[in-house]
Amino acid sequence: MTTGLGVRTRGLVHIYRAEGHDVAALSGVDLTVAPGEIVGLLGPSGAGKSTLLTLFGGLMRPSAGRVTVGDHELSTMTEAELDRFRAADVGLILQGAARNLLPYLTARQNVEFAQRSARKAGRSVPGPGEVLELVGLSDSVSAPLDSLPPGKLQLAALAVALASRPGLLLGDEPTSQLHHTSRDVVLDALHRVNEEWGTTIVVVTHDPEVAARLPRTVTIRDGRVGGEGRQGEEYAVVSADGSLPLPAVVVEDLPPGSLVRVHRVDDVWTIIPQGGGQE
């Protein structure tokens, strides 16, 4: 079984330049993903989900804070060390199946191509047939990619991401633009990978039906962790600095600048609005 890699961030900040201005994509993310977990990143467009996924994969360096994957502190690694980390420990599914595949090769040949670097480095990798069987593509190993429907193309993209048997699988909207049946097939494959290989899986999704099938979800809002879902229950999350992003339904009733009093009676905490708020 693959050893799933845990992910830990502390005070994670990422700033980029846009039209001459600094934009904070992430503003102090504290998050822990245990080895072998499946976690969905939720939130509106522009909240920082894809940026967070990219930092997990070592594709960018954070502006501040720490990202640790397994025993690797990514922000202190050299470019050569990051290259080896990306090749051996992380599988990435980009949004849109075609971006992950070489269209002139079959599914089997795509997996074999993705394994070239690991094989040259002397690493043991699973056979292409094993990978394709795991994701449910054993009946299409030699079919031309242009003959495969969208759902099977996404399974082929998943197989390529798993080619080196990584400890961490990252997926950016891996079920987008799929109809319900194909979407469920891809989700079943992700759960099977997690169960049989122990791979840690983190996916970005906008689909509430996809989120409902994930054991844990993390909502990113305004570049921070805005809440978590566990087995269908939603929770607010206290950050390392003591701040507490309120659920969106509460924020709708409390405009910025609102004063609230936090009151405790026995073991029950109550938030009591006291007025204020920006006009």
Protein backbone atom coordinates (compact mmCIF):
# COMPACT_ATOMS: atom_id res chain seq x y z
CA MET A 1 0.00 0.00 0.00
CA THR A 2 1.14 3.56 -0.74
CA THR A 3 2.01 5.59 2.34
CA GLY A 4 -0.31 8.57 2.23
CA LEU A 5 1.39 11.90 2.82
CA GLY A 6 -0.03 14.38 5.30
CA VAL A 7 -0.19 18.11 4.51
CA ARG A 8 0.25 20.93 7.01
CA THR A 9 0.23 24.69 6.48
CA ARG A 10 0.83 27.41 9.02
CA GLY A 11 0.35 31.11 8.35
CA LEU A 12 0.36 30.47 4.61
CA VAL A 13 0.31 33.66 2.53
CA HIS A 14 0.53 34.02 -1.23
CA ILE A 15 0.61 37.38 -2.99
CA TYR A 16 0.73 37.96 -6.74
CA ARG A 17 0.87 41.03 -8.99
CA ALA A 18 -2.15 41.91 -11.11
CA GLU A 19 -2.42 45.12 -13.12
CA GLY A 20 0.31 46.73 -11.05
CA HIS A 21 -1.24 45.86 -7.70
CA ASP A 22 -0.46 43.24 -5.07
CA VAL A 23 -3.33 40.77 -4.62
CA ALA A 24 -3.45 38.41 -1.64
CA ALA A 25 -4.71 35.05 -2.90
CA LEU A 26 -4.11 33.50 0.52
CA SER A 27 -4.03 35.46 3.77
CA GLY A 28 -2.85 33.15 6.53
CA VAL A 29 -4.12 29.61 5.93
CA ASP A 30 -3.74 27.13 8.79
CA LEU A 31 -4.76 23.67 7.64
CA THR A 32 -3.88 20.06 8.42
CA VAL A 33 -4.71 17.08 6.20
CA ALA A 34 -3.93 13.74 7.81
CA PRO A 35 -2.18 10.97 5.84
CA GLY A 36 -4.79 8.95 3.95
CA GLU A 37 -7.56 11.56 4.20
CA ILE A 38 -9.86 12.66 1.37
CA VAL A 39 -10.53 16.41 1.56
CA GLY A 40 -12.51 18.71 -0.72
CA LEU A 41 -11.65 22.41 -1.03
CA LEU A 42 -14.80 24.49 -1.50
CA GLY A 43 -15.49 28.19 -1.92
CA PRO A 44 -16.34 30.87 -4.50
CA SER A 45 -14.17 31.61 -7.53
CA GLY A 46 -11.13 33.64 -6.59
CA ALA A 47 -11.16 32.47 -2.97
CA GLY A 48 -7.70 30.87 -3.27
CA LYS A 49 -8.56 27.16 -3.63
CA SER A 50 -6.51 26.48 -6.76
CA THR A 51 -3.62 28.56 -5.41
CA LEU A 52 -3.62 26.42 -2.28
CA LEU A 53 -3.62 23.24 -4.37
CA THR A 54 -0.68 24.56 -6.42
CA LEU A 55 1.31 25.29 -3.27
CA PHE A 56 0.60 21.78 -1.95
CA GLY A 57 2.13 20.42 -5.14
CA GLY A 58 5.28 22.53 -4.88
CA LEU A 59 4.51 24.28 -8.18
CA MET A 60 4.87 27.72 -6.57
CA ARG A 61 6.56 29.03 -3.46
CA PRO A 62 4.47 30.84 -0.85
CA SER A 63 5.07 34.51 -0.11
CA ALA A 64 5.13 33.67 3.61
CA GLY A 65 4.33 30.81 5.96
CA ARG A 66 5.07 27.10 5.74
CA VAL A 67 3.84 24.15 3.69
CA THR A 68 4.85 20.69 4.85
CA VAL A 69 4.01 17.56 2.84
CA GLY A 70 5.06 14.37 4.58
CA ASP A 71 8.58 15.13 5.85
CA HIS A 72 9.18 17.80 3.21
CA GLU A 73 9.18 21.49 4.18
CA LEU A 74 8.53 22.82 0.68
CA SER A 75 9.53 26.42 1.26
CA THR A 76 13.10 25.41 2.17
CA MET A 77 13.69 22.95 -0.70
CA THR A 78 15.92 23.69 -3.68
CA GLU A 79 14.50 23.59 -7.22
CA ALA A 80 16.18 20.21 -7.82
CA GLU A 81 14.64 18.83 -4.62
CA LEU A 82 11.23 20.17 -5.63
CA ASP A 83 11.57 18.53 -9.05
CA ARG A 84 12.22 15.15 -7.39
CA PHE A 85 9.36 15.73 -4.94
CA ARG A 86 6.90 16.53 -7.75
CA ALA A 87 8.01 13.54 -9.80
CA ALA A 88 7.87 11.00 -6.98
CA ASP A 89 5.43 12.09 -4.30
CA VAL A 90 2.64 14.13 -5.91
CA GLY A 91 0.09 13.39 -8.62
CA LEU A 92 -1.73 16.36 -10.16
CA ILE A 93 -4.94 16.41 -12.18
CA LEU A 94 -5.35 19.74 -13.96
CA GLN A 95 -8.84 21.01 -14.74
CA GLY A 96 -9.95 19.58 -18.08
CA ALA A 97 -8.93 16.00 -18.90
CA ALA A 98 -7.20 16.93 -22.18
CA ARG A 99 -4.63 19.08 -20.35
CA ASN A 100 -3.32 15.94 -18.62
CA LEU A 101 -3.04 13.68 -21.67
CA LEU A 102 -1.06 13.25 -24.89
CA PRO A 103 -3.86 12.87 -27.46
CA TYR A 104 -1.84 10.77 -29.94
CA LEU A 105 -1.15 8.04 -27.35
CA THR A 106 -3.48 5.43 -25.85
CA ALA A 107 -4.36 5.43 -22.16
CA ARG A 108 -1.72 2.75 -21.49
CA GLN A 109 0.93 4.69 -23.40
CA ASN A 110 0.06 7.86 -21.48
CA VAL A 111 0.64 6.06 -18.18
CA GLU A 112 3.91 4.57 -19.46
CA PHE A 113 5.09 8.01 -20.59
CA ALA A 114 4.23 9.50 -17.17
CA GLN A 115 6.35 6.79 -15.51
CA ARG A 116 9.51 7.48 -17.52
CA SER A 117 11.16 9.81 -14.99
CA ALA A 118 10.45 7.50 -12.06
CA ARG A 119 11.80 4.47 -13.95
CA LYS A 120 14.98 6.35 -14.94
CA ALA A 121 15.50 7.23 -11.29
CA GLY A 122 15.26 3.54 -10.40
CA ARG A 123 11.98 3.86 -8.52
CA SER A 124 9.55 0.96 -8.40
CA VAL A 125 6.28 1.86 -10.07
CA PRO A 126 3.11 -0.18 -10.63
CA GLY A 127 2.47 -1.72 -14.01
CA PRO A 128 0.34 0.43 -16.34
CA GLY A 129 -2.32 -2.29 -16.38
CA GLU A 130 -2.56 -2.19 -12.58
CA VAL A 131 -3.05 1.59 -12.59
CA LEU A 132 -5.68 1.48 -15.34
CA GLU A 133 -7.53 -1.38 -13.63
CA LEU A 134 -7.57 0.55 -10.36
CA VAL A 135 -9.36 3.51 -11.95
CA GLY A 136 -11.73 1.31 -13.94
CA LEU A 137 -10.17 1.57 -17.41
CA SER A 138 -9.04 -2.03 -17.94
CA ASP A 139 -11.41 -2.31 -20.93
CA SER A 140 -9.96 0.72 -22.73
CA VAL A 141 -6.18 0.43 -22.31
CA SER A 142 -5.44 0.40 -26.05
CA ALA A 143 -8.30 2.53 -27.33
CA PRO A 144 -7.43 5.81 -29.08
CA LEU A 145 -8.16 8.70 -26.73
CA ASP A 146 -10.40 10.40 -29.28
CA SER A 147 -12.70 7.37 -29.10
CA LEU A 148 -13.24 7.66 -25.34
CA PRO A 149 -16.22 9.53 -23.83
CA PRO A 150 -15.52 12.44 -21.41
CA GLY A 151 -15.89 10.29 -18.29
CA LYS A 152 -13.30 7.77 -19.46
CA LEU A 153 -10.96 10.57 -20.53
CA GLN A 154 -11.09 11.87 -16.98
CA LEU A 155 -10.30 8.39 -15.69
CA ALA A 156 -7.31 8.32 -18.04
CA ALA A 157 -6.17 11.67 -16.60
CA LEU A 158 -6.52 10.19 -13.11
CA ALA A 159 -4.45 7.17 -14.15
CA VAL A 160 -1.67 9.45 -15.44
CA ALA A 161 -1.64 11.35 -12.12
CA LEU A 162 -1.29 8.01 -10.31
CA ALA A 163 1.40 6.62 -12.61
CA SER A 164 4.22 6.89 -10.04
CA ARG A 165 1.98 5.77 -7.16
CA PRO A 166 2.22 9.13 -5.33
CA GLY A 167 1.44 9.58 -1.65
CA LEU A 168 -0.56 12.76 -2.41
CA LEU A 169 -3.08 13.21 -5.22
CA LEU A 170 -4.25 16.73 -6.05
CA GLY A 171 -7.24 17.35 -8.34
CA ASP A 172 -8.50 20.69 -9.64
CA GLU A 173 -12.19 20.17 -10.46
CA PRO A 174 -11.68 16.53 -11.56
CA THR A 175 -15.43 16.05 -12.18
CA SER A 176 -16.23 19.35 -13.91
CA GLN A 177 -18.22 19.19 -17.16
CA LEU A 178 -19.16 15.55 -16.59
CA HIS A 179 -22.74 14.32 -16.47
CA HIS A 180 -23.89 12.65 -13.26
CA THR A 181 -23.07 9.07 -14.25
CA SER A 182 -19.51 9.88 -15.36
CA ARG A 183 -19.01 12.12 -12.34
CA ASP A 184 -19.97 9.28 -10.00
CA VAL A 185 -17.62 6.87 -11.80
CA VAL A 186 -14.71 9.29 -11.26
CA LEU A 187 -15.64 9.74 -7.59
CA ASP A 188 -15.85 5.97 -7.14
CA ALA A 189 -12.36 5.68 -8.65
CA LEU A 190 -10.97 8.32 -6.26
CA HIS A 191 -12.41 6.48 -3.26
CA ARG A 192 -11.03 3.18 -4.56
CA VAL A 193 -7.55 4.70 -4.92
CA ASN A 194 -7.76 5.98 -1.37
CA GLU A 195 -8.97 2.67 0.04
CA GLU A 196 -6.62 0.33 -1.87
CA TRP A 197 -3.47 2.47 -2.02
CA GLY A 198 -3.93 4.70 1.03
CA THR A 199 -3.27 7.80 -1.09
CA THR A 200 -4.07 11.17 0.47
CA ILE A 201 -6.46 13.04 -1.86
CA VAL A 202 -7.25 16.77 -1.97
CA VAL A 203 -9.65 18.04 -4.65
CA VAL A 204 -11.10 21.42 -5.55
CA THR A 205 -14.79 21.37 -6.43
CA HIS A 206 -17.72 23.73 -6.94
CA ASP A 207 -20.25 20.89 -7.10
CA PRO A 208 -22.29 20.46 -3.88
CA GLU A 209 -23.17 16.89 -4.89
CA VAL A 210 -19.48 16.06 -5.14
CA ALA A 211 -18.82 17.74 -1.79
CA ALA A 212 -21.57 15.64 -0.20
CA ARG A 213 -19.66 12.47 -1.10
CA LEU A 214 -16.43 13.62 0.52
CA PRO A 215 -15.82 12.76 4.20
CA ARG A 216 -14.31 16.18 4.91
CA THR A 217 -14.59 19.56 3.20
CA VAL A 218 -12.76 22.82 3.85
CA THR A 219 -14.29 26.10 2.70
CA ILE A 220 -11.81 28.76 1.60
CA ARG A 221 -13.19 32.30 1.83
CA ASP A 222 -11.23 35.51 1.24
CA GLY A 223 -7.95 33.61 1.30
CA ARG A 224 -8.56 31.92 4.66
CA VAL A 225 -10.20 28.80 6.01
CA GLY A 226 -13.81 29.89 6.39
CA GLY A 227 -15.33 26.65 7.68
CA GLU A 228 -15.26 22.87 7.58
CA GLY A 229 -17.71 20.10 6.87
CA ARG A 230 -17.54 16.67 8.51
CA GLN A 231 -20.01 13.99 7.49
CA GLY A 232 -22.54 16.60 6.37
CA GLU A 233 -22.18 18.85 9.45
CA GLU A 234 -20.79 22.38 8.98
CA TYR A 235 -18.37 23.90 11.50
CA ALA A 236 -16.55 27.20 11.94
CA VAL A 237 -12.78 26.87 12.49
CA VAL A 238 -10.72 28.81 15.02
CA SER A 239 -7.47 29.94 13.34
CA ALA A 240 -4.06 29.75 14.99
CA ASP A 241 -4.28 33.50 15.73
CA GLY A 242 -7.63 33.04 17.51
CA SER A 243 -9.79 34.50 14.73
CA LEU A 244 -13.07 32.78 13.90
CA PRO A 245 -14.52 33.22 10.38
CA LEU A 246 -18.29 33.08 10.74
CA PRO A 247 -20.46 30.91 8.46
CA ALA A 248 -21.71 32.68 5.34
CA VAL A 249 -25.33 32.58 6.55
CA VAL A 250 -24.30 34.56 9.66
CA VAL A 251 -22.17 37.04 7.73
CA GLU A 252 -25.19 37.88 5.54
CA ASP A 253 -26.95 39.24 8.65
CA LEU A 254 -23.87 40.93 10.15
CA PRO A 255 -22.29 43.54 7.86
CA PRO A 256 -18.57 44.38 8.21
CA GLY A 257 -17.90 46.37 11.37
CA SER A 258 -20.75 44.77 13.32
CA LEU A 259 -20.22 44.49 17.06
CA VAL A 260 -21.03 41.16 18.67
CA ARG A 261 -20.75 39.86 22.18
CA VAL A 262 -19.70 36.26 22.74
CA HIS A 263 -21.53 34.91 25.77
CA ARG A 264 -21.16 31.56 27.52
CA VAL A 265 -23.70 29.84 29.72
CA ASP A 266 -22.52 26.46 30.96
CA ASP A 267 -21.14 24.78 27.82
CA VAL A 268 -23.16 26.84 25.32
CA TRP A 269 -21.55 29.77 23.49
CA THR A 270 -23.86 32.41 22.00
CA ILE A 271 -23.06 35.27 19.60
CA ILE A 272 -25.19 38.30 20.45
CA PRO A 273 -25.26 41.20 17.90
CA GLN A 274 -24.70 44.59 19.52
CA GLY A 275 -25.19 46.89 16.52
CA GLY A 276 -22.61 48.79 14.53
CA GLY A 277 -21.70 47.81 10.97
CA GLN A 278 -20.60 49.86 7.99
CA GLU A 279 -23.21 51.91 6.21
